[in-house]
């Protein structure tokens, strides 16, 4: 892989489990965070597809959002102010891509200005 990412154990320590999309043989490393509110957050990263990440949020079985980005350079866990996030760094992109997963799921990302 040509990007940095947390070890699987770190995902488990943060409360994630494997998602049904996980397939190590295909290079899809996918993790699920299941919330008491009925929300499900699925985070997947892969060295195939140009170092990609995929983030999906479901509420009651309905897809709320699905974001797919390529050219990942780094994936890190961070925390501040009682919130835990996955920060995704993308090549040639100065914008933040933040996936808030605790205490509640949400996403912060803005497309670069053209």
N, C-alpha and C. Protein backbone atom coordinates (compact mmCIF):
# COMPACT_ATOMS: atom_id res chain seq x y z
N UNK A 1 0.84 -1.17 0.00
CA UNK A 1 0.00 0.00 0.00
C UNK A 1 0.88 1.24 0.00
N UNK A 2 0.41 2.25 -0.64
CA UNK A 2 1.21 3.46 -0.76
C UNK A 2 0.67 4.60 0.10
N UNK A 3 -0.13 4.28 1.10
CA UNK A 3 -0.62 5.29 2.02
C UNK A 3 -0.56 4.73 3.43
N UNK A 4 -0.53 5.63 4.40
CA UNK A 4 -0.47 5.24 5.80
C UNK A 4 -1.89 5.10 6.35
N UNK A 5 -2.10 4.12 7.23
CA UNK A 5 -3.42 3.88 7.80
C UNK A 5 -3.27 3.18 9.14
N UNK A 6 -4.30 3.30 10.01
CA UNK A 6 -4.25 2.64 11.32
C UNK A 6 -4.32 1.12 11.18
N UNK A 7 -3.75 0.43 12.14
CA UNK A 7 -3.84 -1.02 12.20
C UNK A 7 -5.28 -1.42 12.51
N UNK A 8 -5.67 -2.62 12.12
CA UNK A 8 -7.02 -3.11 12.37
C UNK A 8 -7.36 -3.08 13.86
N UNK A 9 -6.41 -3.41 14.71
CA UNK A 9 -6.64 -3.42 16.14
C UNK A 9 -7.10 -2.05 16.64
N UNK A 10 -6.57 -0.99 16.05
CA UNK A 10 -6.97 0.36 16.46
C UNK A 10 -8.44 0.63 16.12
N UNK A 11 -8.91 0.12 14.98
CA UNK A 11 -10.34 0.25 14.64
C UNK A 11 -11.18 -0.45 15.70
N UNK A 12 -10.77 -1.65 16.10
CA UNK A 12 -11.53 -2.41 17.11
C UNK A 12 -11.53 -1.70 18.45
N UNK A 13 -10.39 -1.12 18.83
CA UNK A 13 -10.29 -0.39 20.09
C UNK A 13 -11.20 0.84 20.10
N UNK A 14 -11.49 1.39 18.95
CA UNK A 14 -12.37 2.56 18.83
C UNK A 14 -13.84 2.18 18.74
N UNK A 15 -14.15 0.89 18.73
CA UNK A 15 -15.53 0.43 18.72
C UNK A 15 -16.03 -0.08 17.38
N UNK A 16 -15.18 -0.10 16.37
CA UNK A 16 -15.57 -0.62 15.06
C UNK A 16 -15.49 -2.14 15.06
N UNK A 17 -16.21 -2.76 14.17
CA UNK A 17 -16.10 -4.18 13.87
C UNK A 17 -15.93 -4.31 12.37
N UNK A 18 -15.78 -5.54 11.90
CA UNK A 18 -15.70 -5.75 10.46
C UNK A 18 -17.07 -5.50 9.83
N UNK A 19 -17.08 -4.92 8.63
CA UNK A 19 -18.33 -4.81 7.89
C UNK A 19 -18.41 -5.97 6.91
N UNK A 20 -19.58 -6.18 6.34
CA UNK A 20 -19.76 -7.26 5.37
C UNK A 20 -18.99 -6.99 4.08
N UNK A 21 -18.51 -5.77 3.89
CA UNK A 21 -17.74 -5.41 2.69
C UNK A 21 -16.26 -5.77 2.82
N UNK A 22 -15.83 -6.19 4.02
CA UNK A 22 -14.43 -6.53 4.25
C UNK A 22 -14.04 -7.74 3.41
N UNK A 23 -12.95 -7.61 2.65
CA UNK A 23 -12.44 -8.72 1.84
C UNK A 23 -10.94 -8.53 1.67
N UNK A 24 -10.16 -9.11 2.57
CA UNK A 24 -8.72 -8.94 2.56
C UNK A 24 -8.11 -9.45 1.25
N UNK A 25 -8.65 -10.52 0.69
CA UNK A 25 -8.13 -11.06 -0.56
C UNK A 25 -8.28 -10.06 -1.71
N UNK A 26 -9.32 -9.26 -1.66
CA UNK A 26 -9.56 -8.25 -2.70
C UNK A 26 -8.97 -6.89 -2.31
N UNK A 27 -8.35 -6.80 -1.13
CA UNK A 27 -7.76 -5.55 -0.68
C UNK A 27 -8.78 -4.51 -0.25
N UNK A 28 -9.92 -4.97 0.28
CA UNK A 28 -10.94 -4.06 0.81
C UNK A 28 -10.99 -4.23 2.32
N UNK A 29 -10.54 -3.21 3.03
CA UNK A 29 -10.49 -3.23 4.48
C UNK A 29 -11.64 -2.37 4.97
N UNK A 30 -12.70 -3.02 5.46
CA UNK A 30 -13.95 -2.33 5.72
C UNK A 30 -14.40 -2.56 7.16
N UNK A 31 -14.82 -1.46 7.80
CA UNK A 31 -15.18 -1.49 9.21
C UNK A 31 -16.53 -0.83 9.44
N UNK A 32 -17.26 -1.36 10.42
CA UNK A 32 -18.61 -0.93 10.72
C UNK A 32 -18.70 -0.38 12.13
N UNK A 33 -19.36 0.78 12.26
CA UNK A 33 -19.72 1.32 13.58
C UNK A 33 -21.24 1.30 13.61
N UNK A 34 -21.79 0.58 14.60
CA UNK A 34 -23.24 0.41 14.73
C UNK A 34 -23.70 1.24 15.94
N UNK A 35 -24.69 2.10 15.74
CA UNK A 35 -25.15 3.01 16.79
C UNK A 35 -26.52 2.58 17.33
N UNK A 36 -26.79 2.93 18.59
CA UNK A 36 -28.08 2.62 19.22
C UNK A 36 -29.23 3.34 18.53
N UNK A 37 -28.95 4.37 17.78
CA UNK A 37 -29.97 5.18 17.10
C UNK A 37 -30.46 4.54 15.81
N UNK A 38 -29.87 3.39 15.43
CA UNK A 38 -30.23 2.75 14.17
C UNK A 38 -29.33 3.14 13.02
N UNK A 39 -28.36 4.01 13.30
CA UNK A 39 -27.41 4.42 12.26
C UNK A 39 -26.29 3.40 12.16
N UNK A 40 -25.76 3.25 10.97
CA UNK A 40 -24.61 2.39 10.72
C UNK A 40 -23.64 3.17 9.84
N UNK A 41 -22.39 3.23 10.27
CA UNK A 41 -21.34 3.91 9.52
C UNK A 41 -20.38 2.84 9.00
N UNK A 42 -20.16 2.82 7.69
CA UNK A 42 -19.21 1.86 7.10
C UNK A 42 -18.06 2.65 6.48
N UNK A 43 -16.86 2.34 6.93
CA UNK A 43 -15.64 2.97 6.42
C UNK A 43 -14.80 1.89 5.75
N UNK A 44 -14.45 2.11 4.49
CA UNK A 44 -13.66 1.15 3.72
C UNK A 44 -12.47 1.86 3.09
N UNK A 45 -11.30 1.22 3.16
CA UNK A 45 -10.15 1.75 2.42
C UNK A 45 -9.52 0.62 1.63
N UNK A 46 -8.88 0.99 0.52
CA UNK A 46 -8.32 -0.02 -0.38
C UNK A 46 -7.15 0.55 -1.17
N UNK A 47 -6.07 -0.25 -1.31
CA UNK A 47 -4.96 0.18 -2.16
C UNK A 47 -5.31 0.06 -3.64
N UNK A 48 -6.37 -0.66 -3.95
CA UNK A 48 -6.82 -0.78 -5.33
C UNK A 48 -7.78 0.38 -5.60
N UNK A 49 -8.03 0.67 -6.83
CA UNK A 49 -8.88 1.82 -7.13
C UNK A 49 -8.17 3.11 -6.78
N UNK A 50 -6.88 3.15 -7.00
CA UNK A 50 -6.07 4.37 -6.77
C UNK A 50 -6.07 4.83 -5.31
N UNK A 51 -5.84 3.91 -4.39
CA UNK A 51 -5.78 4.25 -2.96
C UNK A 51 -7.05 4.97 -2.52
N UNK A 52 -8.12 4.23 -2.42
CA UNK A 52 -9.44 4.83 -2.22
C UNK A 52 -9.98 4.65 -0.81
N UNK A 53 -10.94 5.53 -0.48
CA UNK A 53 -11.75 5.38 0.72
C UNK A 53 -13.22 5.52 0.31
N UNK A 54 -14.05 4.83 1.05
CA UNK A 54 -15.50 4.90 0.86
C UNK A 54 -16.13 5.04 2.23
N UNK A 55 -17.07 5.97 2.36
CA UNK A 55 -17.77 6.19 3.63
C UNK A 55 -19.26 6.16 3.35
N UNK A 56 -19.97 5.30 4.08
CA UNK A 56 -21.42 5.19 3.93
C UNK A 56 -22.06 5.34 5.30
N UNK A 57 -23.18 6.06 5.31
CA UNK A 57 -23.99 6.16 6.52
C UNK A 57 -25.40 5.71 6.19
N UNK A 58 -25.89 4.77 6.99
CA UNK A 58 -27.25 4.25 6.84
C UNK A 58 -28.05 4.63 8.07
N UNK A 59 -29.33 4.94 7.87
CA UNK A 59 -30.25 5.17 8.97
C UNK A 59 -31.47 4.31 8.71
N UNK A 60 -31.69 3.34 9.59
CA UNK A 60 -32.82 2.43 9.43
C UNK A 60 -32.80 1.69 8.11
N UNK A 61 -31.63 1.34 7.63
CA UNK A 61 -31.50 0.61 6.38
C UNK A 61 -31.47 1.48 5.13
N UNK A 62 -31.72 2.78 5.28
CA UNK A 62 -31.69 3.70 4.15
C UNK A 62 -30.34 4.40 4.07
N UNK A 63 -29.78 4.48 2.87
CA UNK A 63 -28.51 5.16 2.67
C UNK A 63 -28.70 6.66 2.80
N UNK A 64 -27.97 7.29 3.74
CA UNK A 64 -28.02 8.73 3.95
C UNK A 64 -26.98 9.42 3.07
N UNK A 65 -25.74 8.91 3.10
CA UNK A 65 -24.73 9.41 2.18
C UNK A 65 -23.71 8.32 1.86
N UNK A 66 -23.06 8.48 0.73
CA UNK A 66 -21.96 7.62 0.29
C UNK A 66 -20.94 8.51 -0.40
N UNK A 67 -19.75 8.59 0.18
CA UNK A 67 -18.66 9.39 -0.37
C UNK A 67 -17.54 8.44 -0.75
N UNK A 68 -17.03 8.60 -1.96
CA UNK A 68 -15.91 7.79 -2.45
C UNK A 68 -14.84 8.74 -2.94
N UNK A 69 -13.61 8.57 -2.45
CA UNK A 69 -12.49 9.41 -2.86
C UNK A 69 -11.28 8.54 -3.15
N UNK A 70 -10.48 8.98 -4.10
CA UNK A 70 -9.24 8.29 -4.46
C UNK A 70 -8.05 9.18 -4.11
N UNK A 71 -6.87 8.61 -4.29
CA UNK A 71 -5.60 9.30 -4.04
C UNK A 71 -5.39 9.65 -2.57
N UNK A 72 -5.71 8.69 -1.71
CA UNK A 72 -5.49 8.83 -0.27
C UNK A 72 -4.00 8.76 0.01
N UNK A 73 -3.52 9.64 0.88
CA UNK A 73 -2.11 9.60 1.29
C UNK A 73 -1.96 9.19 2.75
N UNK A 74 -3.02 9.41 3.56
CA UNK A 74 -2.89 9.13 4.98
C UNK A 74 -4.28 9.03 5.61
N UNK A 75 -4.44 8.09 6.53
CA UNK A 75 -5.67 7.93 7.32
C UNK A 75 -5.23 7.89 8.78
N UNK A 76 -5.78 8.77 9.60
CA UNK A 76 -5.40 8.81 11.02
C UNK A 76 -6.62 9.01 11.90
N UNK A 77 -6.57 8.44 13.10
CA UNK A 77 -7.57 8.71 14.12
C UNK A 77 -7.13 9.95 14.88
N UNK A 78 -8.10 10.82 15.19
CA UNK A 78 -7.84 11.99 16.01
C UNK A 78 -9.02 12.20 16.95
N UNK A 79 -8.80 12.98 17.99
CA UNK A 79 -9.87 13.29 18.93
C UNK A 79 -9.63 14.68 19.52
N UNK A 80 -10.73 15.40 19.71
CA UNK A 80 -10.68 16.68 20.41
C UNK A 80 -12.09 17.05 20.83
N UNK A 81 -12.18 17.76 21.96
CA UNK A 81 -13.47 18.21 22.45
C UNK A 81 -14.49 17.11 22.65
N UNK A 82 -14.06 15.90 22.99
CA UNK A 82 -14.99 14.80 23.21
C UNK A 82 -15.46 14.11 21.95
N UNK A 83 -14.94 14.51 20.78
CA UNK A 83 -15.33 13.87 19.54
C UNK A 83 -14.16 13.10 18.95
N UNK A 84 -14.46 11.95 18.35
CA UNK A 84 -13.44 11.14 17.70
C UNK A 84 -13.69 11.17 16.20
N UNK A 85 -12.61 11.31 15.45
CA UNK A 85 -12.74 11.40 13.99
C UNK A 85 -11.69 10.55 13.30
N UNK A 86 -11.98 10.21 12.07
CA UNK A 86 -11.00 9.68 11.13
C UNK A 86 -10.70 10.83 10.18
N UNK A 87 -9.44 11.22 10.09
CA UNK A 87 -9.03 12.28 9.16
C UNK A 87 -8.39 11.62 7.95
N UNK A 88 -8.88 11.99 6.79
CA UNK A 88 -8.38 11.44 5.54
C UNK A 88 -7.63 12.54 4.80
N UNK A 89 -6.37 12.27 4.50
CA UNK A 89 -5.57 13.20 3.70
C UNK A 89 -5.54 12.69 2.27
N UNK A 90 -5.83 13.59 1.33
CA UNK A 90 -5.84 13.26 -0.08
C UNK A 90 -4.72 14.02 -0.79
N UNK A 91 -4.11 13.39 -1.80
CA UNK A 91 -3.06 14.05 -2.59
C UNK A 91 -3.66 15.27 -3.28
N UNK A 92 -2.90 16.32 -3.33
CA UNK A 92 -3.30 17.54 -4.05
C UNK A 92 -4.62 18.10 -3.57
N UNK A 93 -4.91 17.97 -2.29
CA UNK A 93 -6.16 18.49 -1.74
C UNK A 93 -5.86 19.08 -0.37
N UNK A 94 -6.07 20.36 -0.23
CA UNK A 94 -5.78 21.02 1.04
C UNK A 94 -6.99 21.05 1.96
N UNK A 95 -8.14 20.58 1.49
CA UNK A 95 -9.33 20.55 2.33
C UNK A 95 -9.30 19.38 3.29
N UNK A 96 -9.96 19.55 4.42
CA UNK A 96 -10.08 18.47 5.39
C UNK A 96 -11.20 17.53 4.99
N UNK A 97 -10.96 16.26 5.16
CA UNK A 97 -11.99 15.24 4.99
C UNK A 97 -12.07 14.56 6.34
N UNK A 98 -13.10 14.88 7.11
CA UNK A 98 -13.23 14.39 8.48
C UNK A 98 -14.48 13.53 8.60
N UNK A 99 -14.30 12.34 9.15
CA UNK A 99 -15.40 11.44 9.42
C UNK A 99 -15.55 11.36 10.94
N UNK A 100 -16.56 12.02 11.46
CA UNK A 100 -16.84 11.98 12.89
C UNK A 100 -17.58 10.68 13.17
N UNK A 101 -17.10 9.89 14.13
CA UNK A 101 -17.74 8.61 14.41
C UNK A 101 -18.16 8.44 15.86
N UNK A 102 -17.70 9.29 16.76
CA UNK A 102 -18.08 9.17 18.16
C UNK A 102 -18.11 10.56 18.76
N UNK A 103 -19.18 10.99 19.37
CA UNK A 103 -20.31 10.20 19.84
C UNK A 103 -21.39 9.95 18.79
N UNK A 104 -21.41 10.74 17.70
CA UNK A 104 -22.42 10.50 16.66
C UNK A 104 -21.75 10.64 15.29
N UNK A 105 -22.29 9.97 14.29
CA UNK A 105 -21.67 10.00 12.97
C UNK A 105 -22.05 11.26 12.19
N UNK A 106 -21.05 11.85 11.55
CA UNK A 106 -21.26 12.95 10.62
C UNK A 106 -20.01 13.10 9.77
N UNK A 107 -20.10 13.93 8.77
CA UNK A 107 -19.03 14.07 7.80
C UNK A 107 -18.75 15.54 7.55
N UNK A 108 -17.48 15.89 7.39
CA UNK A 108 -17.10 17.23 7.00
C UNK A 108 -16.17 17.12 5.81
N UNK A 109 -16.62 17.62 4.67
CA UNK A 109 -15.77 17.65 3.47
C UNK A 109 -16.30 18.69 2.51
N UNK A 110 -15.40 19.46 1.96
CA UNK A 110 -15.75 20.44 0.94
C UNK A 110 -14.89 20.19 -0.27
N UNK A 111 -15.49 20.19 -1.44
CA UNK A 111 -14.74 20.03 -2.69
C UNK A 111 -13.82 21.23 -2.85
N UNK A 112 -12.62 21.03 -3.38
CA UNK A 112 -11.72 22.17 -3.61
C UNK A 112 -12.35 23.14 -4.61
N UNK A 113 -12.06 24.41 -4.42
CA UNK A 113 -12.52 25.42 -5.37
C UNK A 113 -11.78 25.26 -6.69
N UNK A 114 -12.51 25.35 -7.74
CA UNK A 114 -11.90 25.20 -9.07
C UNK A 114 -11.53 26.55 -9.62
